[in-house]
């Protein structure tokens, strides 16, 4: 677990809300000098606490209005089966997240699709992935809230 102080936490909160802020604006927001802010951000990046900077797209503007959560049960849970499934599902571009689960399903996928017909195409691809025995899908009716910010 990485060690960081309250100033680092404030910097991380600011960057998670608005990652394109200038270093001077970040420094002002957290009440440190520009050079201190810059050094801290470089350290947070070097230590892997800040993994990357990305643009978050509005799904409505890129024709991915539907979010579907898919539970996947595999026919076995051998290391080989799990690894083969994970390699294959990582290549399905409409799968945004894949989580190995404890419980009734082996994996939970977060999938985006333009509509039900598009999801049917994705579903047909998912069902052919290595080891897939059963899938159950649930369409999100509305996103109540969504964040990419981790609590720090």
N, C-alpha and C. Protein backbone atom coordinates (compact mmCIF):
# COMPACT_ATOMS: atom_id res chain seq x y z
N UNK A 1 0.85 -1.18 0.00
CA UNK A 1 0.00 0.00 0.00
C UNK A 1 0.89 1.23 0.00
N UNK A 2 0.58 2.15 -0.89
CA UNK A 2 1.38 3.37 -1.03
C UNK A 2 1.15 4.30 0.14
N UNK A 3 2.19 5.03 0.48
CA UNK A 3 2.07 6.00 1.56
C UNK A 3 2.00 7.40 0.95
N UNK A 4 0.98 8.13 1.36
CA UNK A 4 0.89 9.52 0.94
C UNK A 4 0.20 10.31 2.03
N UNK A 5 0.45 11.61 2.02
CA UNK A 5 -0.07 12.46 3.10
C UNK A 5 -1.32 13.22 2.64
N UNK A 6 -1.80 14.11 3.51
CA UNK A 6 -3.02 14.86 3.20
C UNK A 6 -2.88 15.74 1.96
N UNK A 7 -1.70 16.31 1.75
CA UNK A 7 -1.49 17.13 0.54
C UNK A 7 -1.60 16.26 -0.70
N UNK A 8 -0.98 15.08 -0.66
CA UNK A 8 -1.11 14.14 -1.79
C UNK A 8 -2.57 13.79 -2.02
N UNK A 9 -3.31 13.55 -0.96
CA UNK A 9 -4.74 13.22 -1.08
C UNK A 9 -5.50 14.37 -1.75
N UNK A 10 -5.21 15.59 -1.36
CA UNK A 10 -5.90 16.74 -1.97
C UNK A 10 -5.55 16.84 -3.45
N UNK A 11 -4.28 16.62 -3.78
CA UNK A 11 -3.88 16.63 -5.20
C UNK A 11 -4.63 15.55 -5.97
N UNK A 12 -4.69 14.35 -5.41
CA UNK A 12 -5.37 13.24 -6.08
C UNK A 12 -6.86 13.53 -6.27
N UNK A 13 -7.49 14.12 -5.27
CA UNK A 13 -8.91 14.48 -5.41
C UNK A 13 -9.12 15.48 -6.54
N UNK A 14 -8.26 16.49 -6.60
CA UNK A 14 -8.36 17.52 -7.65
C UNK A 14 -8.17 16.87 -9.01
N UNK A 15 -7.15 16.05 -9.16
CA UNK A 15 -6.88 15.41 -10.46
C UNK A 15 -7.99 14.47 -10.88
N UNK A 16 -8.62 13.79 -9.93
CA UNK A 16 -9.72 12.89 -10.28
C UNK A 16 -10.95 13.66 -10.75
N UNK A 17 -11.13 14.86 -10.26
CA UNK A 17 -12.26 15.67 -10.71
C UNK A 17 -11.99 16.34 -12.05
N UNK A 18 -10.76 16.82 -12.22
CA UNK A 18 -10.44 17.58 -13.43
C UNK A 18 -8.97 17.36 -13.77
N UNK A 19 -8.69 16.30 -14.49
CA UNK A 19 -7.33 15.89 -14.78
C UNK A 19 -6.55 16.78 -15.71
N UNK A 20 -7.21 17.73 -16.35
CA UNK A 20 -6.50 18.60 -17.29
C UNK A 20 -6.15 19.95 -16.69
N UNK A 21 -6.27 20.08 -15.40
CA UNK A 21 -5.90 21.35 -14.77
C UNK A 21 -4.40 21.58 -14.93
N UNK A 22 -4.02 22.84 -15.04
CA UNK A 22 -2.60 23.16 -15.10
C UNK A 22 -1.98 22.90 -13.72
N UNK A 23 -0.67 22.71 -13.71
CA UNK A 23 0.02 22.49 -12.44
C UNK A 23 -0.16 23.68 -11.51
N UNK A 24 -0.16 24.87 -12.07
CA UNK A 24 -0.35 26.08 -11.25
C UNK A 24 -1.73 26.08 -10.61
N UNK A 25 -2.75 25.69 -11.36
CA UNK A 25 -4.11 25.65 -10.81
C UNK A 25 -4.25 24.57 -9.74
N UNK A 26 -3.58 23.43 -9.95
CA UNK A 26 -3.60 22.37 -8.94
C UNK A 26 -2.93 22.87 -7.66
N UNK A 27 -1.77 23.50 -7.82
CA UNK A 27 -1.04 24.02 -6.67
C UNK A 27 -1.89 25.01 -5.88
N UNK A 28 -2.57 25.88 -6.60
CA UNK A 28 -3.43 26.86 -5.93
C UNK A 28 -4.59 26.18 -5.22
N UNK A 29 -5.18 25.17 -5.85
CA UNK A 29 -6.33 24.48 -5.27
C UNK A 29 -5.97 23.74 -3.98
N UNK A 30 -4.73 23.26 -3.87
CA UNK A 30 -4.34 22.50 -2.69
C UNK A 30 -3.42 23.29 -1.76
N UNK A 31 -3.17 24.56 -2.13
CA UNK A 31 -2.42 25.48 -1.28
C UNK A 31 -0.97 25.06 -1.05
N UNK A 32 -0.28 24.72 -2.17
CA UNK A 32 1.16 24.47 -2.14
C UNK A 32 1.79 25.23 -3.30
N UNK A 33 3.11 25.30 -3.32
CA UNK A 33 3.79 25.98 -4.43
C UNK A 33 3.65 25.14 -5.69
N UNK A 34 3.84 25.79 -6.82
CA UNK A 34 3.76 25.10 -8.11
C UNK A 34 4.83 24.02 -8.19
N UNK A 35 6.05 24.32 -7.75
CA UNK A 35 7.13 23.33 -7.82
C UNK A 35 6.85 22.14 -6.89
N UNK A 36 6.32 22.41 -5.70
CA UNK A 36 5.99 21.30 -4.79
C UNK A 36 4.89 20.43 -5.38
N UNK A 37 3.89 21.05 -5.98
CA UNK A 37 2.81 20.30 -6.62
C UNK A 37 3.37 19.43 -7.74
N UNK A 38 4.21 20.01 -8.56
CA UNK A 38 4.80 19.28 -9.69
C UNK A 38 5.61 18.07 -9.19
N UNK A 39 6.46 18.28 -8.17
CA UNK A 39 7.27 17.17 -7.62
C UNK A 39 6.37 16.06 -7.07
N UNK A 40 5.32 16.45 -6.36
CA UNK A 40 4.43 15.45 -5.77
C UNK A 40 3.71 14.66 -6.87
N UNK A 41 3.23 15.33 -7.88
CA UNK A 41 2.55 14.64 -8.98
C UNK A 41 3.50 13.68 -9.67
N UNK A 42 4.73 14.13 -9.93
CA UNK A 42 5.72 13.23 -10.55
C UNK A 42 5.97 12.00 -9.68
N UNK A 43 6.07 12.18 -8.36
CA UNK A 43 6.28 11.06 -7.45
C UNK A 43 5.08 10.12 -7.46
N UNK A 44 3.87 10.69 -7.44
CA UNK A 44 2.65 9.86 -7.47
C UNK A 44 2.56 9.05 -8.76
N UNK A 45 3.01 9.64 -9.86
CA UNK A 45 3.05 8.91 -11.14
C UNK A 45 4.12 7.82 -11.10
N UNK A 46 5.32 8.16 -10.62
CA UNK A 46 6.43 7.20 -10.58
C UNK A 46 6.10 6.01 -9.68
N UNK A 47 5.38 6.25 -8.59
CA UNK A 47 5.02 5.17 -7.67
C UNK A 47 3.81 4.37 -8.15
N UNK A 48 3.22 4.78 -9.26
CA UNK A 48 2.09 4.04 -9.81
C UNK A 48 0.76 4.35 -9.15
N UNK A 49 0.74 5.35 -8.26
CA UNK A 49 -0.53 5.74 -7.64
C UNK A 49 -1.41 6.38 -8.70
N UNK A 50 -0.83 7.27 -9.50
CA UNK A 50 -1.52 7.80 -10.69
C UNK A 50 -1.09 6.89 -11.83
N UNK A 51 -2.05 6.11 -12.33
CA UNK A 51 -1.77 5.14 -13.38
C UNK A 51 -1.73 5.75 -14.77
N UNK A 52 -2.68 6.66 -15.03
CA UNK A 52 -2.83 7.15 -16.39
C UNK A 52 -3.72 8.37 -16.38
N UNK A 53 -3.79 9.04 -17.49
CA UNK A 53 -4.72 10.15 -17.70
C UNK A 53 -5.56 9.78 -18.92
N UNK A 54 -6.87 9.94 -18.81
CA UNK A 54 -7.75 9.52 -19.90
C UNK A 54 -8.84 10.56 -20.14
N UNK A 55 -9.45 10.47 -21.30
CA UNK A 55 -10.64 11.25 -21.61
C UNK A 55 -11.85 10.34 -21.39
N UNK A 56 -12.81 10.80 -20.60
CA UNK A 56 -14.02 10.02 -20.36
C UNK A 56 -15.07 10.47 -21.37
N UNK A 57 -15.53 9.55 -22.20
CA UNK A 57 -16.47 9.87 -23.26
C UNK A 57 -17.91 9.74 -22.78
N UNK A 58 -18.77 10.56 -23.32
CA UNK A 58 -20.20 10.45 -23.04
C UNK A 58 -20.75 9.36 -23.95
N UNK A 59 -21.24 8.25 -23.39
CA UNK A 59 -21.70 7.14 -24.22
C UNK A 59 -22.80 7.51 -25.21
N UNK A 60 -23.60 8.50 -24.87
CA UNK A 60 -24.67 8.90 -25.78
C UNK A 60 -24.11 9.48 -27.08
N UNK A 61 -22.95 10.10 -27.00
CA UNK A 61 -22.37 10.75 -28.18
C UNK A 61 -21.52 9.81 -29.02
N UNK A 62 -21.26 8.61 -28.53
CA UNK A 62 -20.50 7.62 -29.30
C UNK A 62 -21.32 6.36 -29.56
N UNK A 63 -22.65 6.52 -29.53
CA UNK A 63 -23.60 5.46 -29.85
C UNK A 63 -23.43 4.22 -28.99
N UNK A 64 -23.30 4.42 -27.69
CA UNK A 64 -23.25 3.32 -26.73
C UNK A 64 -24.18 3.66 -25.57
N UNK A 65 -25.46 3.76 -25.87
CA UNK A 65 -26.46 4.21 -24.90
C UNK A 65 -26.85 3.14 -23.88
N UNK A 66 -26.65 1.88 -24.21
CA UNK A 66 -27.08 0.79 -23.33
C UNK A 66 -25.91 0.23 -22.54
N UNK A 67 -26.11 0.07 -21.24
CA UNK A 67 -25.14 -0.60 -20.39
C UNK A 67 -25.77 -1.91 -19.93
N UNK A 68 -25.02 -2.98 -20.10
CA UNK A 68 -25.53 -4.30 -19.76
C UNK A 68 -24.51 -4.98 -18.84
N UNK A 69 -25.01 -5.55 -17.75
CA UNK A 69 -24.16 -6.32 -16.84
C UNK A 69 -24.41 -7.79 -17.14
N UNK A 70 -23.34 -8.51 -17.40
CA UNK A 70 -23.44 -9.91 -17.82
C UNK A 70 -22.72 -10.80 -16.82
N UNK A 71 -23.46 -11.72 -16.22
CA UNK A 71 -22.86 -12.73 -15.36
C UNK A 71 -22.48 -13.91 -16.23
N UNK A 72 -21.23 -14.36 -16.08
CA UNK A 72 -20.73 -15.47 -16.88
C UNK A 72 -20.34 -16.60 -15.95
N UNK A 73 -20.85 -17.79 -16.23
CA UNK A 73 -20.47 -19.00 -15.51
C UNK A 73 -19.69 -19.88 -16.47
N UNK A 74 -18.54 -20.33 -16.04
CA UNK A 74 -17.70 -21.19 -16.87
C UNK A 74 -17.96 -22.66 -16.58
N UNK A 75 -17.56 -23.51 -17.51
CA UNK A 75 -17.77 -24.95 -17.32
C UNK A 75 -16.77 -25.58 -16.35
N UNK A 76 -15.68 -24.86 -16.05
CA UNK A 76 -14.74 -25.32 -15.03
C UNK A 76 -13.98 -24.10 -14.51
N UNK A 77 -13.29 -24.28 -13.42
CA UNK A 77 -12.55 -23.17 -12.84
C UNK A 77 -11.06 -23.49 -12.74
N UNK A 78 -10.59 -24.27 -13.69
CA UNK A 78 -9.15 -24.55 -13.71
C UNK A 78 -8.41 -23.28 -14.11
N UNK A 79 -7.15 -23.21 -13.73
CA UNK A 79 -6.35 -22.04 -14.09
C UNK A 79 -6.32 -21.82 -15.60
N UNK A 80 -6.26 -22.91 -16.35
CA UNK A 80 -6.21 -22.81 -17.81
C UNK A 80 -7.50 -22.23 -18.37
N UNK A 81 -8.64 -22.69 -17.85
CA UNK A 81 -9.94 -22.19 -18.33
C UNK A 81 -10.10 -20.71 -17.99
N UNK A 82 -9.77 -20.35 -16.75
CA UNK A 82 -9.88 -18.94 -16.35
C UNK A 82 -8.97 -18.06 -17.20
N UNK A 83 -7.74 -18.47 -17.40
CA UNK A 83 -6.79 -17.68 -18.18
C UNK A 83 -7.24 -17.54 -19.63
N UNK A 84 -7.74 -18.64 -20.22
CA UNK A 84 -8.20 -18.60 -21.61
C UNK A 84 -9.38 -17.64 -21.75
N UNK A 85 -10.33 -17.72 -20.81
CA UNK A 85 -11.47 -16.81 -20.85
C UNK A 85 -11.01 -15.36 -20.72
N UNK A 86 -10.15 -15.09 -19.76
CA UNK A 86 -9.70 -13.71 -19.51
C UNK A 86 -8.97 -13.13 -20.72
N UNK A 87 -8.13 -13.94 -21.36
CA UNK A 87 -7.44 -13.46 -22.57
C UNK A 87 -8.44 -13.12 -23.67
N UNK A 88 -9.42 -13.99 -23.85
CA UNK A 88 -10.40 -13.81 -24.93
C UNK A 88 -11.33 -12.63 -24.66
N UNK A 89 -11.84 -12.49 -23.44
CA UNK A 89 -12.79 -11.42 -23.14
C UNK A 89 -12.11 -10.06 -23.22
N UNK A 90 -10.82 -10.00 -22.95
CA UNK A 90 -10.08 -8.73 -23.03
C UNK A 90 -10.04 -8.20 -24.46
N UNK A 91 -10.29 -9.06 -25.43
CA UNK A 91 -10.27 -8.64 -26.84
C UNK A 91 -11.65 -8.21 -27.37
N UNK A 92 -12.67 -8.28 -26.53
CA UNK A 92 -14.02 -7.85 -26.94
C UNK A 92 -14.15 -6.37 -26.60
N UNK A 93 -14.12 -5.52 -27.61
CA UNK A 93 -13.99 -4.08 -27.36
C UNK A 93 -15.17 -3.46 -26.62
N UNK A 94 -16.34 -4.03 -26.71
CA UNK A 94 -17.50 -3.44 -26.03
C UNK A 94 -17.59 -3.86 -24.56
N UNK A 95 -16.68 -4.70 -24.10
CA UNK A 95 -16.61 -5.07 -22.68
C UNK A 95 -15.69 -4.05 -22.01
N UNK A 96 -16.27 -3.24 -21.13
CA UNK A 96 -15.50 -2.20 -20.45
C UNK A 96 -14.81 -2.72 -19.20
N UNK A 97 -15.44 -3.68 -18.52
CA UNK A 97 -14.89 -4.22 -17.29
C UNK A 97 -15.17 -5.71 -17.22
N UNK A 98 -14.25 -6.43 -16.58
CA UNK A 98 -14.42 -7.87 -16.34
C UNK A 98 -13.89 -8.13 -14.94
N UNK A 99 -14.75 -8.70 -14.10
CA UNK A 99 -14.38 -8.97 -12.71
C UNK A 99 -14.57 -10.45 -12.40
N UNK A 100 -13.53 -11.07 -11.84
CA UNK A 100 -13.65 -12.43 -11.31
C UNK A 100 -14.43 -12.33 -10.02
N UNK A 101 -15.48 -13.14 -9.87
CA UNK A 101 -16.42 -12.99 -8.76
C UNK A 101 -16.36 -14.17 -7.80
N UNK A 102 -16.81 -13.90 -6.60
CA UNK A 102 -17.13 -14.96 -5.65
C UNK A 102 -18.65 -15.02 -5.64
N UNK A 103 -19.21 -16.18 -5.60
CA UNK A 103 -20.67 -16.29 -5.62
C UNK A 103 -21.13 -17.21 -6.71
N UNK A 104 -22.33 -16.94 -7.24
CA UNK A 104 -22.93 -17.87 -8.19
C UNK A 104 -22.31 -17.80 -9.58
N UNK A 105 -21.87 -16.62 -10.02
CA UNK A 105 -21.25 -16.48 -11.33
C UNK A 105 -19.74 -16.41 -11.16
N UNK A 106 -19.02 -16.80 -12.20
CA UNK A 106 -17.56 -16.72 -12.17
C UNK A 106 -17.07 -15.31 -12.50
N UNK A 107 -17.74 -14.64 -13.44
CA UNK A 107 -17.33 -13.31 -13.87
C UNK A 107 -18.53 -12.39 -13.99
N UNK A 108 -18.27 -11.11 -13.80
CA UNK A 108 -19.26 -10.06 -14.07
C UNK A 108 -18.62 -9.13 -15.09
N UNK A 109 -19.33 -8.92 -16.18
CA UNK A 109 -18.86 -8.03 -17.24
C UNK A 109 -19.73 -6.79 -17.30
N UNK A 110 -19.12 -5.67 -17.59
CA UNK A 110 -19.85 -4.44 -17.90
C UNK A 110 -19.66 -4.21 -19.38
N UNK A 111 -20.78 -4.23 -20.11
CA UNK A 111 -20.77 -4.16 -21.56
C UNK A 111 -21.55 -2.93 -21.99
N UNK A 112 -21.10 -2.26 -23.05
CA UNK A 112 -21.86 -1.16 -23.62
C UNK A 112 -22.27 -1.53 -25.04
N UNK A 113 -23.48 -1.10 -25.41
CA UNK A 113 -24.02 -1.41 -26.73
C UNK A 113 -24.87 -0.23 -27.20
N UNK A 114 -25.03 -0.13 -28.51
CA UNK A 114 -25.85 0.94 -29.05
C UNK A 114 -27.34 0.66 -28.84
N UNK A 115 -27.72 -0.61 -28.89
CA UNK A 115 -29.13 -1.00 -28.71
C UNK A 115 -29.18 -2.50 -28.50
N UNK A 116 -30.39 -3.05 -28.41
CA UNK A 116 -30.52 -4.48 -28.13
C UNK A 116 -29.99 -5.35 -29.27
N UNK A 117 -30.15 -4.89 -30.50
CA UNK A 117 -29.62 -5.66 -31.63
C UNK A 117 -28.09 -5.73 -31.57
N UNK A 118 -27.47 -4.62 -31.25
CA UNK A 118 -26.02 -4.60 -31.11
C UNK A 118 -25.59 -5.51 -29.95
N UNK A 119 -26.33 -5.45 -28.84
CA UNK A 119 -26.00 -6.34 -27.72
C UNK A 119 -26.15 -7.80 -28.12
N UNK A 120 -27.14 -8.12 -28.92
CA UNK A 120 -27.31 -9.51 -29.38
C UNK A 120 -26.07 -9.98 -30.13
N UNK A 121 -25.46 -9.11 -30.92
CA UNK A 121 -24.22 -9.45 -31.64
C UNK A 121 -23.08 -9.70 -30.64
N UNK A 122 -22.98 -8.83 -29.64
CA UNK A 122 -21.95 -8.99 -28.62
C UNK A 122 -22.19 -10.29 -27.86
N UNK A 123 -23.43 -10.56 -27.52
CA UNK A 123 -23.80 -11.78 -26.78
C UNK A 123 -23.38 -13.02 -27.56
N UNK A 124 -23.64 -13.02 -28.87
CA UNK A 124 -23.26 -14.17 -29.69
C UNK A 124 -21.75 -14.39 -29.66
N UNK A 125 -20.98 -13.30 -29.57
CA UNK A 125 -19.52 -13.44 -29.48
C UNK A 125 -19.12 -13.94 -28.09
N UNK A 126 -19.72 -13.38 -27.05
CA UNK A 126 -19.36 -13.76 -25.69
C UNK A 126 -19.61 -15.24 -25.42
N UNK A 127 -20.72 -15.75 -25.92
CA UNK A 127 -21.10 -17.14 -25.65
C UNK A 127 -20.11 -18.13 -26.27
N UNK A 128 -19.32 -17.67 -27.23
CA UNK A 128 -18.33 -18.55 -27.87
C UNK A 128 -16.96 -18.49 -27.21
N UNK A 129 -16.80 -17.65 -26.20
CA UNK A 129 -15.50 -17.54 -25.55
C UNK A 129 -15.17 -18.83 -24.80
N UNK A 130 -13.88 -19.11 -24.60
CA UNK A 130 -13.47 -20.37 -23.97
C UNK A 130 -14.11 -20.59 -22.60
N UNK A 131 -14.71 -21.78 -22.43
CA UNK A 131 -15.23 -22.19 -21.14
C UNK A 131 -16.61 -21.70 -20.78
N UNK A 132 -17.21 -20.82 -21.59
CA UNK A 132 -18.51 -20.26 -21.21
C UNK A 132 -19.58 -21.35 -21.22
N UNK A 133 -20.22 -21.51 -20.07
CA UNK A 133 -21.30 -22.48 -19.93
C UNK A 133 -22.66 -21.78 -19.92
N UNK A 134 -22.72 -20.63 -19.19
CA UNK A 134 -24.00 -19.95 -19.03
C UNK A 134 -23.74 -18.45 -18.88
N UNK A 135 -24.70 -17.67 -19.39
CA UNK A 135 -24.63 -16.22 -19.22
C UNK A 135 -26.00 -15.70 -18.84
N UNK A 136 -26.01 -14.69 -18.00
CA UNK A 136 -27.25 -14.02 -17.65
C UNK A 136 -27.00 -12.52 -17.73
N UNK A 137 -27.87 -11.81 -18.44
CA UNK A 137 -27.67 -10.39 -18.69
C UNK A 137 -28.76 -9.55 -18.04
N UNK A 138 -28.37 -8.35 -17.61
CA UNK A 138 -29.31 -7.39 -17.04
C UNK A 138 -29.00 -6.02 -17.63
N UNK A 139 -30.01 -5.42 -18.25
CA UNK A 139 -29.85 -4.09 -18.84
C UNK A 139 -30.06 -3.02 -17.77
N UNK A 140 -29.15 -2.07 -17.70
CA UNK A 140 -29.33 -0.93 -16.80
C UNK A 140 -30.40 -0.03 -17.41
N UNK A 141 -31.38 0.34 -16.61
CA UNK A 141 -32.44 1.22 -17.11
C UNK A 141 -32.01 2.68 -17.10
N UNK A 142 -31.22 3.04 -16.08
CA UNK A 142 -30.75 4.41 -15.96
C UNK A 142 -29.55 4.40 -15.03
N UNK A 143 -28.56 5.20 -15.35
CA UNK A 143 -27.41 5.35 -14.47
C UNK A 143 -27.74 6.43 -13.47
N UNK A 144 -27.82 6.07 -12.21
CA UNK A 144 -28.17 7.02 -11.15
C UNK A 144 -26.97 7.93 -10.86
N UNK A 145 -25.81 7.35 -10.68
CA UNK A 145 -24.57 8.12 -10.60
C UNK A 145 -23.42 7.23 -11.00
N UNK A 146 -22.33 7.87 -11.36
CA UNK A 146 -21.18 7.14 -11.84
C UNK A 146 -19.95 7.99 -11.53
N UNK A 147 -18.92 7.37 -11.04
CA UNK A 147 -17.70 8.10 -10.78
C UNK A 147 -16.51 7.24 -11.13
N UNK A 148 -15.43 7.89 -11.46
CA UNK A 148 -14.16 7.19 -11.65
C UNK A 148 -13.22 7.52 -10.49
N UNK A 149 -13.67 8.37 -9.59
CA UNK A 149 -12.83 8.83 -8.48
C UNK A 149 -12.83 7.83 -7.34
N UNK A 150 -11.65 7.40 -6.96
CA UNK A 150 -11.50 6.53 -5.80
C UNK A 150 -11.40 7.39 -4.54
N UNK A 151 -11.92 6.91 -3.43
CA UNK A 151 -11.75 7.68 -2.19
C UNK A 151 -10.30 7.63 -1.74
N UNK A 152 -9.73 8.77 -1.45
CA UNK A 152 -8.34 8.84 -0.96
C UNK A 152 -8.28 9.67 0.30
